């Protein structure tokens, strides 16, 4: 039998996907919670579809969309409320 090696490699292999998932979920929840006076239903739908599809089809695309939303769009929306 081979022993399971618990080390930095396993830690990184678990931590990175969980961090990606947390980032995307944070962005989805934030988009969904925005009032329609700030972000229209169509825009909400587009952001959520982009986040989900980008993550499921190409995980790096979902991360990029989440970062664009959280760093670029979210602060502008927060200022407009």
PDB file of N, CA and C in Angstrom:
ATOM      1  N   UNK A   1       0.831  -1.176   0.000  1.00  0.00           N
ATOM      2  CA  UNK A   1       0.000   0.000   0.000  1.00  0.00           C
ATOM      3  C   UNK A   1       0.877   1.241   0.000  1.00  0.00           C
ATOM      4  N   UNK A   2       0.359   2.276  -0.624  1.00  0.00           N
ATOM      5  CA  UNK A   2       1.074   3.549  -0.603  1.00  0.00           C
ATOM      6  C   UNK A   2       0.401   4.495   0.384  1.00  0.00           C
ATOM      7  N   UNK A   3       1.199   5.246   1.039  1.00  0.00           N
ATOM      8  CA  UNK A   3       0.688   6.202   2.020  1.00  0.00           C
ATOM      9  C   UNK A   3       0.289   7.490   1.307  1.00  0.00           C
ATOM     10  N   UNK A   4      -0.741   8.122   1.802  1.00  0.00           N
ATOM     11  CA  UNK A   4      -1.161   9.405   1.267  1.00  0.00           C
ATOM     12  C   UNK A   4      -0.220  10.469   1.803  1.00  0.00           C
ATOM     13  N   UNK A   5       0.346  11.223   0.895  1.00  0.00           N
ATOM     14  CA  UNK A   5       1.304  12.259   1.289  1.00  0.00           C
ATOM     15  C   UNK A   5       0.564  13.569   1.556  1.00  0.00           C
ATOM     16  N   UNK A   6       0.545  13.968   2.796  1.00  0.00           N
ATOM     17  CA  UNK A   6      -0.033  15.253   3.156  1.00  0.00           C
ATOM     18  C   UNK A   6       1.094  16.267   3.190  1.00  0.00           C
ATOM     19  N   UNK A   7       1.059  17.175   2.271  1.00  0.00           N
ATOM     20  CA  UNK A   7       2.119  18.174   2.215  1.00  0.00           C
ATOM     21  C   UNK A   7       1.645  19.392   1.455  1.00  0.00           C
ATOM     22  N   UNK A   8       2.585  20.222   1.070  1.00  0.00           N
ATOM     23  CA  UNK A   8       2.222  21.462   0.380  1.00  0.00           C
ATOM     24  C   UNK A   8       1.498  21.227  -0.944  1.00  0.00           C
ATOM     25  N   UNK A   9       1.832  20.137  -1.621  1.00  0.00           N
ATOM     26  CA  UNK A   9       1.180  19.849  -2.900  1.00  0.00           C
ATOM     27  C   UNK A   9      -0.294  19.548  -2.727  1.00  0.00           C
ATOM     28  N   UNK A  10      -0.619  18.743  -1.752  1.00  0.00           N
ATOM     29  CA  UNK A  10      -2.016  18.420  -1.480  1.00  0.00           C
ATOM     30  C   UNK A  10      -2.755  19.643  -0.979  1.00  0.00           C
ATOM     31  N   UNK A  11      -2.109  20.429  -0.143  1.00  0.00           N
ATOM     32  CA  UNK A  11      -2.711  21.649   0.386  1.00  0.00           C
ATOM     33  C   UNK A  11      -3.059  22.608  -0.756  1.00  0.00           C
ATOM     34  N   UNK A  12      -2.129  22.808  -1.679  1.00  0.00           N
ATOM     35  CA  UNK A  12      -2.365  23.699  -2.822  1.00  0.00           C
ATOM     36  C   UNK A  12      -3.434  23.129  -3.744  1.00  0.00           C
ATOM     37  N   UNK A  13      -3.440  21.818  -3.910  1.00  0.00           N
ATOM     38  CA  UNK A  13      -4.422  21.188  -4.785  1.00  0.00           C
ATOM     39  C   UNK A  13      -5.839  21.319  -4.236  1.00  0.00           C
ATOM     40  N   UNK A  14      -5.972  21.450  -2.942  1.00  0.00           N
ATOM     41  CA  UNK A  14      -7.288  21.641  -2.339  1.00  0.00           C
ATOM     42  C   UNK A  14      -7.620  23.118  -2.156  1.00  0.00           C
ATOM     43  N   UNK A  15      -6.637  23.919  -1.803  1.00  0.00           N
ATOM     44  CA  UNK A  15      -6.871  25.316  -1.480  1.00  0.00           C
ATOM     45  C   UNK A  15      -7.225  26.152  -2.710  1.00  0.00           C
ATOM     46  N   UNK A  16      -6.540  25.958  -3.792  1.00  0.00           N
ATOM     47  CA  UNK A  16      -6.757  26.777  -4.986  1.00  0.00           C
ATOM     48  C   UNK A  16      -8.171  26.590  -5.543  1.00  0.00           C
ATOM     49  N   UNK A  17      -8.652  25.363  -5.764  1.00  0.00           N
ATOM     50  CA  UNK A  17     -10.034  25.224  -6.256  1.00  0.00           C
ATOM     51  C   UNK A  17     -11.074  25.765  -5.275  1.00  0.00           C
ATOM     52  N   UNK A  18     -10.841  25.602  -3.979  1.00  0.00           N
ATOM     53  CA  UNK A  18     -11.790  26.140  -3.002  1.00  0.00           C
ATOM     54  C   UNK A  18     -11.789  27.662  -3.013  1.00  0.00           C
ATOM     55  N   UNK A  19     -10.638  28.273  -3.184  1.00  0.00           N
ATOM     56  CA  UNK A  19     -10.557  29.728  -3.266  1.00  0.00           C
ATOM     57  C   UNK A  19     -11.264  30.236  -4.523  1.00  0.00           C
ATOM     58  N   UNK A  20     -11.101  29.543  -5.631  1.00  0.00           N
ATOM     59  CA  UNK A  20     -11.783  29.906  -6.872  1.00  0.00           C
ATOM     60  C   UNK A  20     -13.292  29.807  -6.690  1.00  0.00           C
ATOM     61  N   UNK A  21     -13.743  28.718  -6.114  1.00  0.00           N
ATOM     62  CA  UNK A  21     -15.169  28.526  -5.881  1.00  0.00           C
ATOM     63  C   UNK A  21     -15.729  29.601  -4.956  1.00  0.00           C
ATOM     64  N   UNK A  22     -15.011  29.925  -3.904  1.00  0.00           N
ATOM     65  CA  UNK A  22     -15.465  30.961  -2.966  1.00  0.00           C
ATOM     66  C   UNK A  22     -15.549  32.321  -3.654  1.00  0.00           C
ATOM     67  N   UNK A  23     -14.591  32.647  -4.479  1.00  0.00           N
ATOM     68  CA  UNK A  23     -14.586  33.922  -5.191  1.00  0.00           C
ATOM     69  C   UNK A  23     -15.781  34.028  -6.129  1.00  0.00           C
ATOM     70  N   UNK A  24     -16.038  32.970  -6.881  1.00  0.00           N
ATOM     71  CA  UNK A  24     -17.148  32.975  -7.828  1.00  0.00           C
ATOM     72  C   UNK A  24     -18.488  33.028  -7.087  1.00  0.00           C
ATOM     73  N   UNK A  25     -18.618  32.273  -6.010  1.00  0.00           N
ATOM     74  CA  UNK A  25     -19.863  32.299  -5.235  1.00  0.00           C
ATOM     75  C   UNK A  25     -20.082  33.685  -4.630  1.00  0.00           C
ATOM     76  N   UNK A  26     -19.032  34.308  -4.129  1.00  0.00           N
ATOM     77  CA  UNK A  26     -19.143  35.656  -3.576  1.00  0.00           C
ATOM     78  C   UNK A  26     -19.674  36.624  -4.643  1.00  0.00           C
ATOM     79  N   UNK A  27     -19.129  36.534  -5.850  1.00  0.00           N
ATOM     80  CA  UNK A  27     -19.565  37.418  -6.930  1.00  0.00           C
ATOM     81  C   UNK A  27     -21.025  37.139  -7.302  1.00  0.00           C
ATOM     82  N   UNK A  28     -21.421  35.872  -7.383  1.00  0.00           N
ATOM     83  CA  UNK A  28     -22.802  35.525  -7.732  1.00  0.00           C
ATOM     84  C   UNK A  28     -23.768  36.054  -6.680  1.00  0.00           C
ATOM     85  N   UNK A  29     -23.454  35.856  -5.424  1.00  0.00           N
ATOM     86  CA  UNK A  29     -24.327  36.331  -4.345  1.00  0.00           C
ATOM     87  C   UNK A  29     -24.419  37.854  -4.372  1.00  0.00           C
ATOM     88  N   UNK A  30     -23.306  38.523  -4.600  1.00  0.00           N
ATOM     89  CA  UNK A  30     -23.321  39.982  -4.632  1.00  0.00           C
ATOM     90  C   UNK A  30     -24.171  40.499  -5.796  1.00  0.00           C
ATOM     91  N   UNK A  31     -24.042  39.892  -6.953  1.00  0.00           N
ATOM     92  CA  UNK A  31     -24.856  40.293  -8.105  1.00  0.00           C
ATOM     93  C   UNK A  31     -26.333  40.070  -7.803  1.00  0.00           C
ATOM     94  N   UNK A  32     -26.665  38.926  -7.256  1.00  0.00           N
ATOM     95  CA  UNK A  32     -28.065  38.588  -6.994  1.00  0.00           C
ATOM     96  C   UNK A  32     -28.698  39.510  -5.960  1.00  0.00           C
ATOM     97  N   UNK A  33     -27.911  40.003  -5.010  1.00  0.00           N
ATOM     98  CA  UNK A  33     -28.443  40.856  -3.944  1.00  0.00           C
ATOM     99  C   UNK A  33     -28.611  42.310  -4.372  1.00  0.00           C
ATOM    100  N   UNK A  34     -28.024  42.727  -5.472  1.00  0.00           N
ATOM    101  CA  UNK A  34     -28.130  44.118  -5.911  1.00  0.00           C
ATOM    102  C   UNK A  34     -29.573  44.441  -6.288  1.00  0.00           C
ATOM    103  N   UNK A  35     -30.083  45.584  -5.851  1.00  0.00           N
ATOM    104  CA  UNK A  35     -31.450  45.961  -6.227  1.00  0.00           C
ATOM    105  C   UNK A  35     -31.527  46.289  -7.724  1.00  0.00           C
ATOM    106  N   UNK A  36     -32.720  46.099  -8.292  1.00  0.00           N
ATOM    107  CA  UNK A  36     -32.883  46.358  -9.727  1.00  0.00           C
ATOM    108  C   UNK A  36     -32.758  47.835 -10.060  1.00  0.00           C
ATOM    109  N   UNK A  37     -32.827  48.706  -9.058  1.00  0.00           N
ATOM    110  CA  UNK A  37     -32.624  50.133  -9.321  1.00  0.00           C
ATOM    111  C   UNK A  37     -31.152  50.433  -9.628  1.00  0.00           C
ATOM    112  N   UNK A  38     -30.278  49.546  -9.184  1.00  0.00           N
ATOM    113  CA  UNK A  38     -28.839  49.733  -9.409  1.00  0.00           C
ATOM    114  C   UNK A  38     -28.349  48.876 -10.572  1.00  0.00           C
ATOM    115  N   UNK A  39     -28.853  47.666 -10.656  1.00  0.00           N
ATOM    116  CA  UNK A  39     -28.420  46.716 -11.679  1.00  0.00           C
ATOM    117  C   UNK A  39     -29.666  46.052 -12.244  1.00  0.00           C
ATOM    118  N   UNK A  40     -29.921  46.247 -13.529  1.00  0.00           N
ATOM    119  CA  UNK A  40     -31.153  45.731 -14.129  1.00  0.00           C
ATOM    120  C   UNK A  40     -31.190  44.206 -14.117  1.00  0.00           C
ATOM    121  N   UNK A  41     -32.399  43.668 -14.287  1.00  0.00           N
ATOM    122  CA  UNK A  41     -32.543  42.203 -14.292  1.00  0.00           C
ATOM    123  C   UNK A  41     -31.721  41.570 -15.402  1.00  0.00           C
ATOM    124  N   UNK A  42     -31.697  42.200 -16.557  1.00  0.00           N
ATOM    125  CA  UNK A  42     -30.918  41.668 -17.674  1.00  0.00           C
ATOM    126  C   UNK A  42     -29.431  41.644 -17.384  1.00  0.00           C
ATOM    127  N   UNK A  43     -28.957  42.713 -16.751  1.00  0.00           N
ATOM    128  CA  UNK A  43     -27.536  42.771 -16.393  1.00  0.00           C
ATOM    129  C   UNK A  43     -27.205  41.737 -15.325  1.00  0.00           C
ATOM    130  N   UNK A  44     -28.107  41.578 -14.350  1.00  0.00           N
ATOM    131  CA  UNK A  44     -27.899  40.546 -13.327  1.00  0.00           C
ATOM    132  C   UNK A  44     -27.797  39.171 -13.968  1.00  0.00           C
ATOM    133  N   UNK A  45     -28.746  38.893 -14.857  1.00  0.00           N
ATOM    134  CA  UNK A  45     -28.755  37.592 -15.530  1.00  0.00           C
ATOM    135  C   UNK A  45     -27.469  37.375 -16.319  1.00  0.00           C
ATOM    136  N   UNK A  46     -27.039  38.403 -17.030  1.00  0.00           N
ATOM    137  CA  UNK A  46     -25.816  38.283 -17.835  1.00  0.00           C
ATOM    138  C   UNK A  46     -24.596  38.013 -16.950  1.00  0.00           C
ATOM    139  N   UNK A  47     -24.472  38.730 -15.841  1.00  0.00           N
ATOM    140  CA  UNK A  47     -23.339  38.511 -14.944  1.00  0.00           C
ATOM    141  C   UNK A  47     -23.369  37.104 -14.355  1.00  0.00           C
ATOM    142  N   UNK A  48     -24.541  36.674 -13.898  1.00  0.00           N
ATOM    143  CA  UNK A  48     -24.634  35.346 -13.277  1.00  0.00           C
ATOM    144  C   UNK A  48     -24.352  34.251 -14.298  1.00  0.00           C
ATOM    145  N   UNK A  49     -24.913  34.374 -15.500  1.00  0.00           N
ATOM    146  CA  UNK A  49     -24.646  33.375 -16.542  1.00  0.00           C
ATOM    147  C   UNK A  49     -23.163  33.373 -16.893  1.00  0.00           C
ATOM    148  N   UNK A  50     -22.559  34.552 -16.996  1.00  0.00           N
ATOM    149  CA  UNK A  50     -21.127  34.630 -17.300  1.00  0.00           C
ATOM    150  C   UNK A  50     -20.280  33.983 -16.224  1.00  0.00           C
ATOM    151  N   UNK A  51     -20.645  34.218 -14.981  1.00  0.00           N
ATOM    152  CA  UNK A  51     -19.889  33.621 -13.870  1.00  0.00           C
ATOM    153  C   UNK A  51     -20.029  32.106 -13.842  1.00  0.00           C
ATOM    154  N   UNK A  52     -21.257  31.631 -13.956  1.00  0.00           N
ATOM    155  CA  UNK A  52     -21.489  30.177 -13.884  1.00  0.00           C
ATOM    156  C   UNK A  52     -20.899  29.471 -15.099  1.00  0.00           C
ATOM    157  N   UNK A  53     -21.208  29.982 -16.293  1.00  0.00           N
ATOM    158  CA  UNK A  53     -20.708  29.334 -17.510  1.00  0.00           C
ATOM    159  C   UNK A  53     -19.185  29.412 -17.584  1.00  0.00           C
ATOM    160  N   UNK A  54     -18.625  30.551 -17.227  1.00  0.00           N
ATOM    161  CA  UNK A  54     -17.177  30.684 -17.251  1.00  0.00           C
ATOM    162  C   UNK A  54     -16.492  29.727 -16.299  1.00  0.00           C
ATOM    163  N   UNK A  55     -17.120  29.500 -15.144  1.00  0.00           N
ATOM    164  CA  UNK A  55     -16.532  28.591 -14.161  1.00  0.00           C
ATOM    165  C   UNK A  55     -16.700  27.139 -14.587  1.00  0.00           C
ATOM    166  N   UNK A  56     -17.872  26.788 -15.069  1.00  0.00           N
ATOM    167  CA  UNK A  56     -18.114  25.391 -15.445  1.00  0.00           C
ATOM    168  C   UNK A  56     -17.376  24.997 -16.714  1.00  0.00           C
ATOM    169  N   UNK A  57     -17.330  25.878 -17.699  1.00  0.00           N
ATOM    170  CA  UNK A  57     -16.689  25.532 -18.964  1.00  0.00           C
ATOM    171  C   UNK A  57     -15.178  25.714 -18.919  1.00  0.00           C
ATOM    172  N   UNK A  58     -14.752  26.846 -18.408  1.00  0.00           N
ATOM    173  CA  UNK A  58     -13.321  27.160 -18.318  1.00  0.00           C
ATOM    174  C   UNK A  58     -13.129  27.846 -16.978  1.00  0.00           C
ATOM    175  N   UNK A  59     -12.633  27.156 -15.999  1.00  0.00           N
ATOM    176  CA  UNK A  59     -12.606  27.725 -14.649  1.00  0.00           C
ATOM    177  C   UNK A  59     -11.855  29.048 -14.587  1.00  0.00           C
ATOM    178  N   UNK A  60     -10.843  29.215 -15.409  1.00  0.00           N
ATOM    179  CA  UNK A  60     -10.089  30.471 -15.380  1.00  0.00           C
ATOM    180  C   UNK A  60     -10.951  31.615 -15.886  1.00  0.00           C
ATOM    181  N   UNK A  61     -11.847  31.357 -16.829  1.00  0.00           N
ATOM    182  CA  UNK A  61     -12.734  32.413 -17.334  1.00  0.00           C
ATOM    183  C   UNK A  61     -13.693  32.864 -16.242  1.00  0.00           C
ATOM    184  N   UNK A  62     -14.177  31.938 -15.439  1.00  0.00           N
ATOM    185  CA  UNK A  62     -15.049  32.301 -14.325  1.00  0.00           C
ATOM    186  C   UNK A  62     -14.332  33.158 -13.315  1.00  0.00           C
ATOM    187  N   UNK A  63     -13.071  32.867 -13.073  1.00  0.00           N
ATOM    188  CA  UNK A  63     -12.267  33.657 -12.147  1.00  0.00           C
ATOM    189  C   UNK A  63     -12.058  35.055 -12.707  1.00  0.00           C
ATOM    190  N   UNK A  64     -11.782  35.154 -13.978  1.00  0.00           N
ATOM    191  CA  UNK A  64     -11.570  36.458 -14.609  1.00  0.00           C
ATOM    192  C   UNK A  64     -12.849  37.293 -14.536  1.00  0.00           C
ATOM    193  N   UNK A  65     -13.988  36.685 -14.848  1.00  0.00           N
ATOM    194  CA  UNK A  65     -15.265  37.403 -14.783  1.00  0.00           C
ATOM    195  C   UNK A  65     -15.538  37.840 -13.349  1.00  0.00           C
ATOM    196  N   UNK A  66     -15.295  36.968 -12.380  1.00  0.00           N
ATOM    197  CA  UNK A  66     -15.513  37.317 -10.972  1.00  0.00           C
ATOM    198  C   UNK A  66     -14.614  38.477 -10.547  1.00  0.00           C
ATOM    199  N   UNK A  67     -13.362  38.454 -10.951  1.00  0.00           N
ATOM    200  CA  UNK A  67     -12.435  39.535 -10.587  1.00  0.00           C
ATOM    201  C   UNK A  67     -12.858  40.846 -11.248  1.00  0.00           C
ATOM    202  N   UNK A  68     -13.257  40.774 -12.515  1.00  0.00           N
ATOM    203  CA  UNK A  68     -13.718  41.986 -13.207  1.00  0.00           C
ATOM    204  C   UNK A  68     -14.921  42.573 -12.487  1.00  0.00           C
ATOM    205  N   UNK A  69     -15.860  41.729 -12.095  1.00  0.00           N
ATOM    206  CA  UNK A  69     -17.038  42.224 -11.384  1.00  0.00           C
ATOM    207  C   UNK A  69     -16.661  42.784 -10.017  1.00  0.00           C
ATOM    208  N   UNK A  70     -15.935  42.013  -9.222  1.00  0.00           N
ATOM    209  CA  UNK A  70     -15.655  42.411  -7.843  1.00  0.00           C
ATOM    210  C   UNK A  70     -14.725  43.619  -7.744  1.00  0.00           C
ATOM    211  N   UNK A  71     -13.797  43.755  -8.674  1.00  0.00           N
ATOM    212  CA  UNK A  71     -12.831  44.851  -8.602  1.00  0.00           C
ATOM    213  C   UNK A  71     -13.283  46.066  -9.418  1.00  0.00           C
ATOM    214  N   UNK A  72     -13.946  45.832 -10.535  1.00  0.00           N
ATOM    215  CA  UNK A  72     -14.314  46.953 -11.407  1.00  0.00           C
ATOM    216  C   UNK A  72     -15.737  47.429 -11.270  1.00  0.00           C
ATOM    217  N   UNK A  73     -16.684  46.517 -11.308  1.00  0.00           N
ATOM    218  CA  UNK A  73     -18.093  46.886 -11.354  1.00  0.00           C
ATOM    219  C   UNK A  73     -18.662  47.101  -9.955  1.00  0.00           C
ATOM    220  N   UNK A  74     -18.383  46.229  -9.040  1.00  0.00           N
ATOM    221  CA  UNK A  74     -18.949  46.294  -7.693  1.00  0.00           C
ATOM    222  C   UNK A  74     -18.695  47.633  -6.993  1.00  0.00           C
ATOM    223  N   UNK A  75     -17.481  48.181  -7.032  1.00  0.00           N
ATOM    224  CA  UNK A  75     -17.272  49.482  -6.377  1.00  0.00           C
ATOM    225  C   UNK A  75     -18.114  50.610  -7.004  1.00  0.00           C
ATOM    226  N   UNK A  76     -18.290  50.583  -8.325  1.00  0.00           N
ATOM    227  CA  UNK A  76     -19.122  51.605  -8.961  1.00  0.00           C
ATOM    228  C   UNK A  76     -20.577  51.454  -8.559  1.00  0.00           C
ATOM    229  N   UNK A  77     -21.052  50.213  -8.457  1.00  0.00           N
ATOM    230  CA  UNK A  77     -22.428  49.987  -8.025  1.00  0.00           C
ATOM    231  C   UNK A  77     -22.628  50.423  -6.577  1.00  0.00           C
ATOM    232  N   UNK A  78     -21.631  50.182  -5.742  1.00  0.00           N
ATOM    233  CA  UNK A  78     -21.731  50.569  -4.344  1.00  0.00           C
ATOM    234  C   UNK A  78     -21.784  52.090  -4.202  1.00  0.00           C
ATOM    235  N   UNK A  79     -21.072  52.814  -5.046  1.00  0.00           N
ATOM    236  CA  UNK A  79     -21.088  54.269  -4.989  1.00  0.00           C
ATOM    237  C   UNK A  79     -22.415  54.850  -5.456  1.00  0.00           C
ATOM    238  N   UNK A  80     -23.116  54.124  -6.331  1.00  0.00           N
ATOM    239  CA  UNK A  80     -24.366  54.652  -6.891  1.00  0.00           C
ATOM    240  C   UNK A  80     -25.586  54.399  -5.986  1.00  0.00           C
ATOM    241  N   UNK A  81     -25.415  53.638  -4.904  1.00  0.00           N
ATOM    242  CA  UNK A  81     -26.563  53.383  -4.017  1.00  0.00           C
ATOM    243  C   UNK A  81     -26.663  54.415  -2.934  1.00  0.00           C
TER     244      UNK A  81
END
